[in-house]
Amino acid sequence: MKHAMIVPLLTALSASAAADDNNAQIMQTLQRWVQGYNEAGPKATTVTCADRGAVIGAFPPYFWGGVNACAHWAQDWEAYAKRNHLAQCRVDLGTPRHLDVSGDRAYVSLDAELKCNEPGGMRREPGWTWTVALEKAKDGWRIVGYSWGSPAGSAIKADR
């Protein structure tokens, strides 16, 4: 009887450890995206992305999809920021609101804050939502899609 109780307990503990490991790896991927963005700019985020993907953003053209979607978003964001006099932008992530893993796929939704220098000082925009879909590849978790949900009153929209 004791043995019959130990096996399910060990199985449950093993599954819990695997889930914790997946969650940690997923969050490391997202932190690498943020670190790349904050330290080297949007183009540095592409190392965390899958070859094909989709991005929905709060500035035109609002959607980037297919091969190199992340790189195309990064290029367009840099151009948008330049046209709108935004510099040294940073993203800070909050605690995940939702993190779900199903096999080799994951979904994460987090609060985020965007900060950019602009004429007149630093603009802080708390209240962003970053929603991300990931896929586990041979070399770790890769972002296959993400969207940025802007807060009310955000300055990030069609060119100002």
Protein backbone atom coordinates (compact mmCIF):
# COMPACT_ATOMS: atom_id res chain seq x y z
CA MET A 1 0.00 0.00 0.00
CA LYS A 2 2.80 2.43 0.85
CA HIS A 3 4.45 1.75 -2.50
CA ALA A 4 1.18 2.43 -4.34
CA MET A 5 1.03 5.89 -2.75
CA ILE A 6 4.68 6.79 -3.36
CA VAL A 7 4.68 6.24 -7.14
CA PRO A 8 1.86 8.74 -7.88
CA LEU A 9 3.44 11.25 -5.50
CA LEU A 10 6.83 10.97 -7.24
CA THR A 11 5.15 11.25 -10.63
CA ALA A 12 3.33 14.40 -9.53
CA LEU A 13 6.53 15.92 -8.12
CA SER A 14 8.40 15.12 -11.34
CA ALA A 15 5.67 16.74 -13.46
CA SER A 16 5.69 19.79 -11.20
CA ALA A 17 9.48 20.12 -11.51
CA ALA A 18 9.24 19.86 -15.31
CA ALA A 19 6.53 22.55 -15.39
CA ASP A 20 8.63 24.83 -13.17
CA ASP A 21 11.63 24.30 -15.47
CA ASN A 22 9.55 25.13 -18.57
CA ASN A 23 8.15 28.25 -16.90
CA ALA A 24 11.66 29.40 -15.95
CA GLN A 25 12.96 28.81 -19.49
CA ILE A 26 10.01 30.69 -20.99
CA MET A 27 10.56 33.66 -18.70
CA GLN A 28 14.29 33.61 -19.54
CA THR A 29 13.39 33.89 -23.24
CA LEU A 30 11.14 36.88 -22.53
CA GLN A 31 13.79 38.50 -20.32
CA ARG A 32 16.35 38.02 -23.13
CA TRP A 33 13.95 39.83 -25.49
CA VAL A 34 13.63 42.73 -23.01
CA GLN A 35 17.35 42.82 -22.27
CA GLY A 36 18.17 42.90 -25.98
CA TYR A 37 15.65 45.68 -26.56
CA ASN A 38 16.79 47.75 -23.58
CA GLU A 39 20.53 47.35 -24.16
CA ALA A 40 20.92 47.21 -27.93
CA GLY A 41 17.60 48.23 -29.49
CA PRO A 42 14.73 46.46 -31.22
CA LYS A 43 16.87 44.54 -33.72
CA ALA A 44 18.52 42.67 -30.82
CA THR A 45 15.16 41.11 -29.93
CA THR A 46 15.08 38.96 -33.05
CA VAL A 47 17.38 36.29 -31.55
CA THR A 48 14.47 35.18 -29.36
CA CYS A 49 12.05 34.79 -32.28
CA ALA A 50 11.26 31.82 -34.50
CA ASP A 51 12.00 32.20 -38.21
CA ARG A 52 8.28 32.60 -38.98
CA GLY A 53 5.93 34.47 -36.74
CA ALA A 54 3.42 37.23 -36.26
CA VAL A 55 3.51 40.55 -34.43
CA ILE A 56 0.63 42.91 -33.68
CA GLY A 57 1.71 46.37 -32.60
CA ALA A 58 0.17 49.71 -31.68
CA PHE A 59 1.69 51.64 -34.61
CA PRO A 60 1.22 51.31 -38.39
CA PRO A 61 1.12 48.97 -40.21
CA TYR A 62 -0.09 47.19 -37.00
CA PHE A 63 0.66 43.66 -38.28
CA TRP A 64 3.85 41.88 -39.33
CA GLY A 65 3.67 38.23 -40.35
CA GLY A 66 5.60 35.45 -42.00
CA VAL A 67 9.33 34.97 -42.37
CA ASN A 68 11.34 37.42 -40.26
CA ALA A 69 8.22 39.06 -38.78
CA CYS A 70 10.13 40.09 -35.65
CA ALA A 71 12.91 41.69 -37.71
CA HIS A 72 10.38 43.59 -39.83
CA TRP A 73 8.64 44.85 -36.68
CA ALA A 74 12.00 45.95 -35.23
CA GLN A 75 12.89 47.83 -38.41
CA ASP A 76 9.50 49.57 -38.54
CA TRP A 77 9.58 50.42 -34.82
CA GLU A 78 12.99 52.07 -35.20
CA ALA A 79 11.70 54.13 -38.14
CA TYR A 80 8.50 55.05 -36.25
CA ALA A 81 10.46 56.08 -33.14
CA LYS A 82 12.81 58.23 -35.21
CA ARG A 83 9.95 59.98 -37.06
CA ASN A 84 8.21 60.65 -33.75
CA HIS A 85 11.31 61.77 -31.84
CA LEU A 86 11.33 58.85 -29.41
CA ALA A 87 14.76 57.76 -28.20
CA GLN A 88 16.31 55.34 -25.72
CA CYS A 89 13.08 53.43 -25.27
CA ARG A 90 12.95 50.77 -22.57
CA VAL A 91 10.50 48.04 -21.63
CA ASP A 92 10.00 46.84 -18.06
CA LEU A 93 7.96 43.69 -17.48
CA GLY A 94 5.64 42.97 -14.62
CA THR A 95 4.68 39.61 -13.20
CA PRO A 96 2.94 37.29 -15.67
CA ARG A 97 -0.84 37.48 -15.38
CA HIS A 98 -1.13 34.19 -17.20
CA LEU A 99 1.42 31.54 -18.17
CA ASP A 100 0.20 28.30 -19.69
CA VAL A 101 2.23 25.50 -21.26
CA SER A 102 0.83 22.68 -23.36
CA GLY A 103 3.56 20.37 -24.62
CA ASP A 104 5.86 22.39 -26.86
CA ARG A 105 3.61 25.51 -26.94
CA ALA A 106 3.21 28.28 -24.41
CA TYR A 107 1.11 31.40 -23.87
CA VAL A 108 2.12 34.29 -21.59
CA SER A 109 0.41 37.58 -20.80
CA LEU A 110 2.31 40.20 -18.82
CA ASP A 111 1.96 43.78 -17.71
CA ALA A 112 4.62 46.05 -19.14
CA GLU A 113 5.75 49.65 -18.98
CA LEU A 114 7.25 51.53 -21.92
CA LYS A 115 9.59 54.45 -21.29
CA CYS A 116 11.04 56.67 -24.02
CA ASN A 117 12.91 59.95 -24.12
CA GLU A 118 11.13 62.55 -26.21
CA PRO A 119 11.37 66.30 -26.57
CA GLY A 120 10.39 67.66 -23.19
CA GLY A 121 11.57 64.70 -21.11
CA MET A 122 10.92 61.08 -20.34
CA ARG A 123 7.55 59.60 -21.29
CA ARG A 124 6.43 56.76 -19.03
CA GLU A 125 3.53 54.61 -20.14
CA PRO A 126 2.51 51.97 -17.63
CA GLY A 127 -0.46 49.77 -18.41
CA TRP A 128 0.79 48.00 -21.54
CA THR A 129 0.02 44.31 -21.99
CA TRP A 130 2.48 42.05 -23.77
CA THR A 131 0.91 38.80 -24.92
CA VAL A 132 3.30 36.19 -26.28
CA ALA A 133 3.02 32.75 -27.89
CA LEU A 134 6.10 30.53 -27.84
CA GLU A 135 7.18 27.21 -29.28
CA LYS A 136 9.84 24.93 -27.85
CA ALA A 137 12.63 24.35 -30.38
CA LYS A 138 15.76 22.21 -30.15
CA ASP A 139 17.71 25.15 -28.73
CA GLY A 140 15.02 26.41 -26.32
CA TRP A 141 11.80 28.41 -26.37
CA ARG A 142 11.26 30.76 -29.32
CA ILE A 143 8.68 33.50 -29.72
CA VAL A 144 6.27 32.71 -32.58
CA GLY A 145 3.98 35.67 -32.04
CA TYR A 146 3.31 38.59 -29.78
CA SER A 147 1.05 41.57 -29.45
CA TRP A 148 1.30 44.85 -27.62
CA GLY A 149 -1.89 46.14 -26.05
CA SER A 150 -1.58 49.86 -25.40
CA PRO A 151 -3.10 51.68 -22.44
CA ALA A 152 -5.69 54.40 -22.85
CA GLY A 153 -4.05 57.68 -23.79
CA SER A 154 -0.91 56.08 -25.22
CA ALA A 155 1.20 58.26 -27.47
CA ILE A 156 2.10 55.23 -29.59
CA LYS A 157 -0.32 55.29 -32.52
CA ALA A 158 -0.37 56.63 -36.05
CA ASP A 159 2.39 59.17 -36.56
CA ARG A 160 1.86 62.24 -34.43
